[in-house]
Amino acid sequence: MLHYFISKKKCCSRTLLLIDMYASCTTQMVIKTRLVTCEMLLERQKKTFLYRIVSDDEKLTYYDNPNA
């Protein structure tokens, strides 16, 4: 789900995705409110915590098991 919000897709396609997911249990107004809230949260955290996790984590971790 996070991939759809980070990618460069248009807002209308994201809204349709949410409507398809939540249409049976919520109204469209609630869905639009959730969409706006998610976009605001992602925009606020774009260059901080979430940006590092999604795109800048290129470190290699080596695991050494001496018993093997």
PDB file of N, CA and C in Angstrom:
ATOM      1  N   MET A   1       0.822  -1.187   0.000  1.00  0.00           N
ATOM      2  CA  MET A   1       0.000   0.000   0.000  1.00  0.00           C
ATOM      3  C   MET A   1       0.863   1.246   0.000  1.00  0.00           C
ATOM      4  N   LEU A   2       1.931   1.228   0.776  1.00  0.00           N
ATOM      5  CA  LEU A   2       2.808   2.396   0.841  1.00  0.00           C
ATOM      6  C   LEU A   2       3.426   2.699  -0.514  1.00  0.00           C
ATOM      7  N   HIS A   3       3.677   1.671  -1.309  1.00  0.00           N
ATOM      8  CA  HIS A   3       4.254   1.854  -2.641  1.00  0.00           C
ATOM      9  C   HIS A   3       3.384   2.759  -3.503  1.00  0.00           C
ATOM     10  N   TYR A   4       2.085   2.609  -3.425  1.00  0.00           N
ATOM     11  CA  TYR A   4       1.185   3.418  -4.251  1.00  0.00           C
ATOM     12  C   TYR A   4       1.221   4.887  -3.867  1.00  0.00           C
ATOM     13  N   PHE A   5       1.479   5.180  -2.594  1.00  0.00           N
ATOM     14  CA  PHE A   5       1.513   6.570  -2.165  1.00  0.00           C
ATOM     15  C   PHE A   5       2.861   7.213  -2.450  1.00  0.00           C
ATOM     16  N   ILE A   6       3.910   6.455  -2.447  1.00  0.00           N
ATOM     17  CA  ILE A   6       5.236   7.005  -2.709  1.00  0.00           C
ATOM     18  C   ILE A   6       5.465   7.174  -4.206  1.00  0.00           C
ATOM     19  N   SER A   7       4.909   6.294  -4.989  1.00  0.00           N
ATOM     20  CA  SER A   7       5.126   6.368  -6.431  1.00  0.00           C
ATOM     21  C   SER A   7       4.498   7.621  -7.019  1.00  0.00           C
ATOM     22  N   LYS A   8       4.825   7.904  -8.250  1.00  0.00           N
ATOM     23  CA  LYS A   8       4.399   9.132  -8.918  1.00  0.00           C
ATOM     24  C   LYS A   8       3.036   8.995  -9.590  1.00  0.00           C
ATOM     25  N   LYS A   9       2.155   8.222  -9.027  1.00  0.00           N
ATOM     26  CA  LYS A   9       0.839   8.052  -9.628  1.00  0.00           C
ATOM     27  C   LYS A   9      -0.034   9.262  -9.334  1.00  0.00           C
ATOM     28  N   LYS A  10      -1.018   9.457 -10.165  1.00  0.00           N
ATOM     29  CA  LYS A  10      -1.931  10.572  -9.973  1.00  0.00           C
ATOM     30  C   LYS A  10      -2.831  10.322  -8.768  1.00  0.00           C
ATOM     31  N   CYS A  11      -3.299  11.406  -8.214  1.00  0.00           N
ATOM     32  CA  CYS A  11      -4.164  11.323  -7.037  1.00  0.00           C
ATOM     33  C   CYS A  11      -5.440  10.549  -7.334  1.00  0.00           C
ATOM     34  N   CYS A  12      -5.989  10.701  -8.527  1.00  0.00           N
ATOM     35  CA  CYS A  12      -7.243  10.005  -8.844  1.00  0.00           C
ATOM     36  C   CYS A  12      -7.049   8.491  -8.849  1.00  0.00           C
ATOM     37  N   SER A  13      -5.901   8.006  -9.292  1.00  0.00           N
ATOM     38  CA  SER A  13      -5.680   6.560  -9.285  1.00  0.00           C
ATOM     39  C   SER A  13      -5.537   6.040  -7.861  1.00  0.00           C
ATOM     40  N   ARG A  14      -4.923   6.849  -6.978  1.00  0.00           N
ATOM     41  CA  ARG A  14      -4.825   6.439  -5.581  1.00  0.00           C
ATOM     42  C   ARG A  14      -6.193   6.441  -4.919  1.00  0.00           C
ATOM     43  N   THR A  15      -7.010   7.421  -5.264  1.00  0.00           N
ATOM     44  CA  THR A  15      -8.359   7.465  -4.707  1.00  0.00           C
ATOM     45  C   THR A  15      -9.160   6.250  -5.156  1.00  0.00           C
ATOM     46  N   LEU A  16      -9.051   5.887  -6.419  1.00  0.00           N
ATOM     47  CA  LEU A  16      -9.756   4.700  -6.916  1.00  0.00           C
ATOM     48  C   LEU A  16      -9.274   3.433  -6.229  1.00  0.00           C
ATOM     49  N   LEU A  17      -7.979   3.359  -5.955  1.00  0.00           N
ATOM     50  CA  LEU A  17      -7.441   2.202  -5.250  1.00  0.00           C
ATOM     51  C   LEU A  17      -8.060   2.093  -3.862  1.00  0.00           C
ATOM     52  N   LEU A  18      -8.130   3.208  -3.155  1.00  0.00           N
ATOM     53  CA  LEU A  18      -8.726   3.184  -1.822  1.00  0.00           C
ATOM     54  C   LEU A  18     -10.218   2.876  -1.868  1.00  0.00           C
ATOM     55  N   ILE A  19     -10.906   3.407  -2.857  1.00  0.00           N
ATOM     56  CA  ILE A  19     -12.336   3.127  -2.981  1.00  0.00           C
ATOM     57  C   ILE A  19     -12.562   1.640  -3.235  1.00  0.00           C
ATOM     58  N   ASP A  20     -11.727   1.032  -4.063  1.00  0.00           N
ATOM     59  CA  ASP A  20     -11.855  -0.405  -4.318  1.00  0.00           C
ATOM     60  C   ASP A  20     -11.614  -1.218  -3.048  1.00  0.00           C
ATOM     61  N   MET A  21     -10.664  -0.773  -2.227  1.00  0.00           N
ATOM     62  CA  MET A  21     -10.325  -1.516  -1.020  1.00  0.00           C
ATOM     63  C   MET A  21     -11.369  -1.363   0.079  1.00  0.00           C
ATOM     64  N   TYR A  22     -11.891  -0.145   0.243  1.00  0.00           N
ATOM     65  CA  TYR A  22     -12.745   0.137   1.392  1.00  0.00           C
ATOM     66  C   TYR A  22     -14.201   0.421   1.037  1.00  0.00           C
ATOM     67  N   ALA A  23     -14.617   0.200  -0.173  1.00  0.00           N
ATOM     68  CA  ALA A  23     -15.968   0.572  -0.598  1.00  0.00           C
ATOM     69  C   ALA A  23     -17.051  -0.169   0.173  1.00  0.00           C
ATOM     70  N   SER A  24     -16.795  -1.366   0.563  1.00  0.00           N
ATOM     71  CA  SER A  24     -17.843  -2.137   1.224  1.00  0.00           C
ATOM     72  C   SER A  24     -18.084  -1.708   2.665  1.00  0.00           C
ATOM     73  N   CYS A  25     -17.117  -1.065   3.305  1.00  0.00           N
ATOM     74  CA  CYS A  25     -17.282  -0.781   4.734  1.00  0.00           C
ATOM     75  C   CYS A  25     -17.287   0.701   5.080  1.00  0.00           C
ATOM     76  N   THR A  26     -16.978   1.597   4.153  1.00  0.00           N
ATOM     77  CA  THR A  26     -16.944   3.018   4.482  1.00  0.00           C
ATOM     78  C   THR A  26     -17.528   3.844   3.351  1.00  0.00           C
ATOM     79  N   THR A  27     -17.762   5.089   3.646  1.00  0.00           N
ATOM     80  CA  THR A  27     -18.274   5.992   2.626  1.00  0.00           C
ATOM     81  C   THR A  27     -17.120   6.634   1.875  1.00  0.00           C
ATOM     82  N   GLN A  28     -17.420   7.246   0.765  1.00  0.00           N
ATOM     83  CA  GLN A  28     -16.368   7.874  -0.034  1.00  0.00           C
ATOM     84  C   GLN A  28     -15.742   9.060   0.686  1.00  0.00           C
ATOM     85  N   MET A  29     -16.499   9.758   1.513  1.00  0.00           N
ATOM     86  CA  MET A  29     -15.943  10.891   2.249  1.00  0.00           C
ATOM     87  C   MET A  29     -14.874  10.434   3.238  1.00  0.00           C
ATOM     88  N   VAL A  30     -15.118   9.322   3.900  1.00  0.00           N
ATOM     89  CA  VAL A  30     -14.135   8.778   4.832  1.00  0.00           C
ATOM     90  C   VAL A  30     -12.887   8.343   4.075  1.00  0.00           C
ATOM     91  N   ILE A  31     -13.069   7.754   2.919  1.00  0.00           N
ATOM     92  CA  ILE A  31     -11.939   7.314   2.105  1.00  0.00           C
ATOM     93  C   ILE A  31     -11.098   8.504   1.671  1.00  0.00           C
ATOM     94  N   LYS A  32     -11.737   9.564   1.219  1.00  0.00           N
ATOM     95  CA  LYS A  32     -10.996  10.756   0.807  1.00  0.00           C
ATOM     96  C   LYS A  32     -10.264  11.383   1.983  1.00  0.00           C
ATOM     97  N   THR A  33     -10.877  11.361   3.157  1.00  0.00           N
ATOM     98  CA  THR A  33     -10.216  11.878   4.354  1.00  0.00           C
ATOM     99  C   THR A  33      -8.976  11.054   4.679  1.00  0.00           C
ATOM    100  N   ARG A  34      -9.075   9.740   4.572  1.00  0.00           N
ATOM    101  CA  ARG A  34      -7.917   8.872   4.809  1.00  0.00           C
ATOM    102  C   ARG A  34      -6.810   9.132   3.794  1.00  0.00           C
ATOM    103  N   LEU A  35      -7.192   9.324   2.549  1.00  0.00           N
ATOM    104  CA  LEU A  35      -6.210   9.597   1.503  1.00  0.00           C
ATOM    105  C   LEU A  35      -5.454  10.890   1.787  1.00  0.00           C
ATOM    106  N   VAL A  36      -6.179  11.938   2.119  1.00  0.00           N
ATOM    107  CA  VAL A  36      -5.544  13.225   2.406  1.00  0.00           C
ATOM    108  C   VAL A  36      -4.645  13.116   3.632  1.00  0.00           C
ATOM    109  N   THR A  37      -5.101  12.413   4.647  1.00  0.00           N
ATOM    110  CA  THR A  37      -4.299  12.236   5.855  1.00  0.00           C
ATOM    111  C   THR A  37      -3.014  11.475   5.558  1.00  0.00           C
ATOM    112  N   CYS A  38      -3.104  10.405   4.792  1.00  0.00           N
ATOM    113  CA  CYS A  38      -1.907   9.631   4.429  1.00  0.00           C
ATOM    114  C   CYS A  38      -0.929  10.468   3.618  1.00  0.00           C
ATOM    115  N   GLU A  39      -1.437  11.236   2.681  1.00  0.00           N
ATOM    116  CA  GLU A  39      -0.561  12.076   1.867  1.00  0.00           C
ATOM    117  C   GLU A  39       0.120  13.148   2.709  1.00  0.00           C
ATOM    118  N   MET A  40      -0.598  13.721   3.666  1.00  0.00           N
ATOM    119  CA  MET A  40       0.003  14.729   4.538  1.00  0.00           C
ATOM    120  C   MET A  40       1.090  14.121   5.412  1.00  0.00           C
ATOM    121  N   LEU A  41       0.839  12.944   5.960  1.00  0.00           N
ATOM    122  CA  LEU A  41       1.842  12.284   6.791  1.00  0.00           C
ATOM    123  C   LEU A  41       3.079  11.907   5.989  1.00  0.00           C
ATOM    124  N   LEU A  42       2.881  11.404   4.783  1.00  0.00           N
ATOM    125  CA  LEU A  42       4.022  11.047   3.947  1.00  0.00           C
ATOM    126  C   LEU A  42       4.810  12.269   3.511  1.00  0.00           C
ATOM    127  N   GLU A  43       4.133  13.345   3.198  1.00  0.00           N
ATOM    128  CA  GLU A  43       4.820  14.565   2.782  1.00  0.00           C
ATOM    129  C   GLU A  43       5.663  15.127   3.921  1.00  0.00           C
ATOM    130  N   ARG A  44       5.130  15.054   5.133  1.00  0.00           N
ATOM    131  CA  ARG A  44       5.857  15.577   6.286  1.00  0.00           C
ATOM    132  C   ARG A  44       7.106  14.747   6.576  1.00  0.00           C
ATOM    133  N   GLN A  45       7.044  13.434   6.330  1.00  0.00           N
ATOM    134  CA  GLN A  45       8.155  12.540   6.644  1.00  0.00           C
ATOM    135  C   GLN A  45       8.981  12.155   5.419  1.00  0.00           C
ATOM    136  N   LYS A  46       8.786  12.822   4.308  1.00  0.00           N
ATOM    137  CA  LYS A  46       9.382  12.396   3.042  1.00  0.00           C
ATOM    138  C   LYS A  46      10.908  12.329   3.088  1.00  0.00           C
ATOM    139  N   LYS A  47      11.557  13.357   3.589  1.00  0.00           N
ATOM    140  CA  LYS A  47      13.017  13.391   3.587  1.00  0.00           C
ATOM    141  C   LYS A  47      13.626  12.991   4.923  1.00  0.00           C
ATOM    142  N   THR A  48      12.854  12.424   5.795  1.00  0.00           N
ATOM    143  CA  THR A  48      13.403  12.025   7.086  1.00  0.00           C
ATOM    144  C   THR A  48      13.351  10.515   7.218  1.00  0.00           C
ATOM    145  N   PHE A  49      12.605  10.055   8.162  1.00  0.00           N
ATOM    146  CA  PHE A  49      12.598   8.646   8.525  1.00  0.00           C
ATOM    147  C   PHE A  49      12.170   7.717   7.391  1.00  0.00           C
ATOM    148  N   LEU A  50      11.026   7.956   6.787  1.00  0.00           N
ATOM    149  CA  LEU A  50      10.527   7.060   5.742  1.00  0.00           C
ATOM    150  C   LEU A  50      11.413   7.050   4.507  1.00  0.00           C
ATOM    151  N   TYR A  51      11.968   8.190   4.149  1.00  0.00           N
ATOM    152  CA  TYR A  51      12.816   8.271   2.966  1.00  0.00           C
ATOM    153  C   TYR A  51      14.056   7.391   3.129  1.00  0.00           C
ATOM    154  N   ARG A  52      14.648   7.384   4.309  1.00  0.00           N
ATOM    155  CA  ARG A  52      15.831   6.554   4.538  1.00  0.00           C
ATOM    156  C   ARG A  52      15.502   5.075   4.498  1.00  0.00           C
ATOM    157  N   ILE A  53      14.381   4.697   5.055  1.00  0.00           N
ATOM    158  CA  ILE A  53      14.011   3.277   5.068  1.00  0.00           C
ATOM    159  C   ILE A  53      13.715   2.781   3.661  1.00  0.00           C
ATOM    160  N   VAL A  54      12.973   3.539   2.890  1.00  0.00           N
ATOM    161  CA  VAL A  54      12.516   3.072   1.586  1.00  0.00           C
ATOM    162  C   VAL A  54      13.612   3.119   0.545  1.00  0.00           C
ATOM    163  N   SER A  55      14.431   4.188   0.504  1.00  0.00           N
ATOM    164  CA  SER A  55      15.325   4.335  -0.637  1.00  0.00           C
ATOM    165  C   SER A  55      16.814   4.446  -0.311  1.00  0.00           C
ATOM    166  N   ASP A  56      17.191   4.761   0.909  1.00  0.00           N
ATOM    167  CA  ASP A  56      18.605   4.984   1.189  1.00  0.00           C
ATOM    168  C   ASP A  56      19.269   3.865   1.975  1.00  0.00           C
ATOM    169  N   ASP A  57      18.606   2.803   2.214  1.00  0.00           N
ATOM    170  CA  ASP A  57      19.177   1.736   3.013  1.00  0.00           C
ATOM    171  C   ASP A  57      19.959   0.785   2.113  1.00  0.00           C
ATOM    172  N   GLU A  58      21.224   1.114   1.855  1.00  0.00           N
ATOM    173  CA  GLU A  58      22.053   0.292   0.977  1.00  0.00           C
ATOM    174  C   GLU A  58      23.215  -0.350   1.728  1.00  0.00           C
ATOM    175  N   LYS A  59      23.138  -0.394   3.031  1.00  0.00           N
ATOM    176  CA  LYS A  59      24.208  -0.991   3.824  1.00  0.00           C
ATOM    177  C   LYS A  59      24.128  -2.510   3.734  1.00  0.00           C
ATOM    178  N   LEU A  60      25.286  -3.130   3.790  1.00  0.00           N
ATOM    179  CA  LEU A  60      25.342  -4.586   3.796  1.00  0.00           C
ATOM    180  C   LEU A  60      25.604  -5.064   5.214  1.00  0.00           C
ATOM    181  N   THR A  61      24.914  -6.083   5.632  1.00  0.00           N
ATOM    182  CA  THR A  61      25.112  -6.652   6.951  1.00  0.00           C
ATOM    183  C   THR A  61      25.692  -8.046   6.766  1.00  0.00           C
ATOM    184  N   TYR A  62      26.840  -8.254   7.381  1.00  0.00           N
ATOM    185  CA  TYR A  62      27.492  -9.551   7.285  1.00  0.00           C
ATOM    186  C   TYR A  62      27.194 -10.351   8.548  1.00  0.00           C
ATOM    187  N   TYR A  63      26.880 -11.599   8.350  1.00  0.00           N
ATOM    188  CA  TYR A  63      26.587 -12.477   9.470  1.00  0.00           C
ATOM    189  C   TYR A  63      27.665 -13.546   9.520  1.00  0.00           C
ATOM    190  N   ASP A  64      28.341 -13.631  10.656  1.00  0.00           N
ATOM    191  CA  ASP A  64      29.415 -14.598  10.818  1.00  0.00           C
ATOM    192  C   ASP A  64      28.999 -15.586  11.892  1.00  0.00           C
ATOM    193  N   ASN A  65      28.862 -16.840  11.521  1.00  0.00           N
ATOM    194  CA  ASN A  65      28.506 -17.877  12.469  1.00  0.00           C
ATOM    195  C   ASN A  65      29.708 -18.798  12.628  1.00  0.00           C
ATOM    196  N   PRO A  66      30.463 -18.634  13.701  1.00  0.00           N
ATOM    197  CA  PRO A  66      31.678 -19.444  13.864  1.00  0.00           C
ATOM    198  C   PRO A  66      31.396 -20.924  14.109  1.00  0.00           C
ATOM    199  N   ASN A  67      30.198 -21.296  14.507  1.00  0.00           N
ATOM    200  CA  ASN A  67      29.873 -22.701  14.775  1.00  0.00           C
ATOM    201  C   ASN A  67      29.515 -23.478  13.514  1.00  0.00           C
ATOM    202  N   ALA A  68      29.321 -22.817  12.412  1.00  0.00           N
ATOM    203  CA  ALA A  68      28.886 -23.503  11.195  1.00  0.00           C
ATOM    204  C   ALA A  68      30.038 -24.121  10.458  1.00  0.00           C
TER     205      ALA A  68
END
